[in-house]
Amino acid sequence: MLFRSVALAWAALGLVLFEVGSKLDKSAITTQGHALMGFAFGRLFLSNFTAAGEILGLSHRLITIVPIAAMFYYLRLRVRDEQKKSKSVGFETYLQPIYSYGAAALLVILARFEFGRTLTVIAWAALIIIYLVLGVQWRDRDFRFQSYIIALTAFARSWSTKIGRAHV
């Protein structure tokens, strides 16, 4: 489990660096925090998604990926707050949607590994509804687009898994 915790540790340190940099008004520190979040995201694909094993009945994937997705959503909001205060660095303008789509991608891929090849469409359907409701209620274009993308993915997966096997 220890080597699977690396991404979670990097993300936690990235979050701390962002907050410290924000409080001290030091863009170099916040930039390092964003870089660590990017490394944590990449690390999940290298070791966590395919990791087998459980702790207290929860898979290692669930224990590491869900907190990182939550951190991504938190940073999405914090980056927006920093932009409103005019404290953000130039490239941070692009980070709000990157964090949002990154978190959605993590949850979609996590559902694929946790629910298997055929049941994953059910989990994706729940994500579609959640993102669509959030997008409409909060007038958030990114959440609406994420629901559309996941819907297309669910349709393609459903078509290839269910209908594709009906002819065999």
Protein backbone atom coordinates (compact mmCIF):
# COMPACT_ATOMS: atom_id res chain seq x y z
CA MET A 1 0.00 0.00 0.00
CA LEU A 2 2.90 2.33 0.73
CA PHE A 3 3.97 2.79 -2.89
CA ARG A 4 0.35 3.42 -3.84
CA SER A 5 0.20 6.31 -1.37
CA VAL A 6 2.83 8.34 -3.21
CA ALA A 7 0.27 10.13 -5.39
CA LEU A 8 -1.85 10.96 -2.36
CA ALA A 9 1.18 12.32 -0.51
CA TRP A 10 2.20 14.42 -3.52
CA ALA A 11 -1.33 15.80 -3.84
CA ALA A 12 -1.49 16.65 -0.14
CA LEU A 13 1.87 18.41 -0.32
CA GLY A 14 0.73 20.22 -3.48
CA LEU A 15 -2.37 21.44 -1.68
CA VAL A 16 -0.29 22.64 1.28
CA LEU A 17 2.12 24.46 -1.04
CA PHE A 18 -0.77 26.14 -2.83
CA GLU A 19 -2.31 27.32 0.43
CA VAL A 20 1.01 28.51 1.88
CA GLY A 21 1.89 30.30 -1.36
CA SER A 22 -1.53 31.89 -1.44
CA LYS A 23 -1.30 33.12 2.16
CA LEU A 24 2.24 34.44 1.70
CA ASP A 25 1.43 35.83 -1.75
CA LYS A 26 4.32 33.87 -3.27
CA SER A 27 3.50 32.70 -6.79
CA ALA A 28 6.58 30.45 -6.94
CA ILE A 29 5.22 28.35 -4.08
CA THR A 30 1.73 28.10 -5.58
CA THR A 31 3.28 27.11 -8.90
CA GLN A 32 5.13 24.28 -7.16
CA GLY A 33 1.85 23.19 -5.63
CA HIS A 34 0.19 23.05 -9.03
CA ALA A 35 3.14 21.10 -10.42
CA LEU A 36 2.87 18.54 -7.62
CA MET A 37 -0.86 18.15 -8.33
CA GLY A 38 0.00 17.42 -11.95
CA PHE A 39 2.59 14.84 -10.90
CA ALA A 40 0.06 13.23 -8.55
CA PHE A 41 -2.45 13.02 -11.40
CA GLY A 42 0.11 11.30 -13.61
CA ARG A 43 1.20 8.96 -10.84
CA LEU A 44 -2.34 7.64 -10.47
CA PHE A 45 -2.17 6.33 -14.02
CA LEU A 46 1.20 4.70 -13.45
CA SER A 47 0.38 2.71 -10.34
CA ASN A 48 -2.98 3.31 -8.68
CA PHE A 49 -5.62 2.47 -11.27
CA THR A 50 -4.38 -1.05 -11.85
CA ALA A 51 -3.50 -1.74 -8.22
CA ALA A 52 -5.27 -4.65 -6.62
CA GLY A 53 -5.84 -4.97 -2.91
CA GLU A 54 -8.04 -3.71 -0.12
CA ILE A 55 -7.89 -2.10 3.28
CA LEU A 56 -10.92 -2.52 5.55
CA GLY A 57 -12.99 -3.59 2.54
CA LEU A 58 -12.10 -0.54 0.44
CA SER A 59 -9.90 -0.86 -2.62
CA HIS A 60 -6.58 0.93 -2.77
CA ARG A 61 -7.88 2.82 -5.81
CA LEU A 62 -10.83 4.18 -3.90
CA ILE A 63 -8.70 5.22 -0.93
CA THR A 64 -6.22 7.17 -3.05
CA ILE A 65 -8.18 8.48 -6.04
CA VAL A 66 -11.31 9.86 -4.36
CA PRO A 67 -9.35 12.20 -2.02
CA ILE A 68 -7.26 13.46 -4.94
CA ALA A 69 -10.40 14.14 -6.99
CA ALA A 70 -11.80 16.05 -3.99
CA MET A 71 -8.56 18.06 -3.79
CA PHE A 72 -8.89 18.88 -7.48
CA TYR A 73 -12.41 20.22 -6.93
CA TYR A 74 -11.23 22.21 -3.93
CA LEU A 75 -8.38 23.72 -5.94
CA ARG A 76 -10.82 24.53 -8.73
CA LEU A 77 -12.73 26.71 -6.29
CA ARG A 78 -9.60 28.18 -4.70
CA VAL A 79 -8.09 29.13 -8.06
CA ARG A 80 -11.34 30.89 -8.92
CA ASP A 81 -11.23 32.74 -5.60
CA GLU A 82 -7.64 33.78 -6.23
CA GLN A 83 -8.62 35.07 -9.67
CA LYS A 84 -11.40 37.17 -8.15
CA LYS A 85 -8.89 38.68 -5.73
CA SER A 86 -6.51 39.29 -8.66
CA LYS A 87 -3.85 37.28 -6.86
CA SER A 88 -3.53 34.53 -9.46
CA VAL A 89 -0.53 33.94 -11.69
CA GLY A 90 -1.10 34.22 -15.46
CA PHE A 91 -1.27 30.49 -16.20
CA GLU A 92 -3.69 29.88 -13.30
CA THR A 93 -6.46 31.24 -15.53
CA TYR A 94 -6.41 27.89 -17.30
CA LEU A 95 -6.24 25.73 -14.19
CA GLN A 96 -9.85 26.01 -13.07
CA PRO A 97 -11.23 23.93 -15.96
CA ILE A 98 -8.15 21.65 -15.92
CA TYR A 99 -8.78 20.76 -12.28
CA SER A 100 -12.49 20.27 -13.00
CA TYR A 101 -12.00 18.00 -16.02
CA GLY A 102 -9.11 16.21 -14.30
CA ALA A 103 -11.28 15.32 -11.32
CA ALA A 104 -14.09 14.15 -13.60
CA ALA A 105 -11.65 11.99 -15.56
CA LEU A 106 -10.36 10.44 -12.35
CA LEU A 107 -13.88 9.56 -11.22
CA VAL A 108 -14.86 8.15 -14.61
CA ILE A 109 -11.78 5.96 -14.83
CA LEU A 110 -12.13 4.92 -11.19
CA ALA A 111 -15.69 3.78 -11.90
CA ARG A 112 -14.42 1.68 -14.81
CA PHE A 113 -11.96 -0.18 -12.59
CA GLU A 114 -14.22 -0.46 -9.53
CA PHE A 115 -17.39 -1.62 -11.29
CA GLY A 116 -15.96 -3.77 -14.06
CA ARG A 117 -16.55 -3.74 -17.79
CA THR A 118 -20.32 -3.99 -17.84
CA LEU A 119 -21.55 -2.32 -14.64
CA THR A 120 -19.43 0.78 -15.13
CA VAL A 121 -22.13 2.32 -17.33
CA ILE A 122 -24.45 2.45 -14.32
CA ALA A 123 -21.89 4.43 -12.31
CA TRP A 124 -21.30 6.71 -15.28
CA ALA A 125 -25.06 7.32 -15.52
CA ALA A 126 -25.02 8.55 -11.92
CA LEU A 127 -22.08 10.86 -12.73
CA ILE A 128 -23.94 12.17 -15.79
CA ILE A 129 -26.93 13.14 -13.67
CA ILE A 130 -24.79 14.67 -10.90
CA TYR A 131 -22.74 16.79 -13.31
CA LEU A 132 -25.79 17.86 -15.29
CA VAL A 133 -27.71 18.93 -12.17
CA LEU A 134 -24.67 20.80 -10.82
CA GLY A 135 -24.09 22.42 -14.19
CA VAL A 136 -27.66 23.64 -14.47
CA GLN A 137 -28.06 24.69 -10.83
CA TRP A 138 -24.74 26.54 -10.67
CA ARG A 139 -24.82 27.69 -14.30
CA ASP A 140 -21.47 25.97 -14.76
CA ARG A 141 -20.62 25.20 -18.36
CA ASP A 142 -17.77 22.85 -17.45
CA PHE A 143 -20.00 20.54 -15.41
CA ARG A 144 -22.60 20.45 -18.18
CA PHE A 145 -19.97 19.63 -20.80
CA GLN A 146 -18.55 16.94 -18.55
CA SER A 147 -21.98 15.35 -18.32
CA TYR A 148 -22.27 15.38 -22.12
CA ILE A 149 -18.82 13.83 -22.57
CA ILE A 150 -19.55 11.12 -20.01
CA ALA A 151 -22.91 10.47 -21.69
CA LEU A 152 -21.20 9.93 -25.03
CA THR A 153 -18.64 7.68 -23.37
CA ALA A 154 -21.38 5.70 -21.62
CA PHE A 155 -23.27 5.33 -24.89
CA ALA A 156 -20.16 4.07 -26.68
CA ARG A 157 -19.34 1.69 -23.82
CA SER A 158 -22.89 0.44 -23.64
CA TRP A 159 -22.99 -0.09 -27.38
CA SER A 160 -19.71 -2.00 -27.47
CA THR A 161 -20.37 -4.06 -24.34
CA LYS A 162 -24.05 -4.89 -24.62
CA ILE A 163 -25.06 -4.67 -28.27
CA GLY A 164 -21.71 -5.77 -29.64
CA ARG A 165 -21.97 -9.05 -27.74
CA ALA A 166 -25.60 -9.68 -28.73
CA HIS A 167 -24.52 -10.74 -32.23
CA VAL A 168 -21.93 -13.23 -31.02
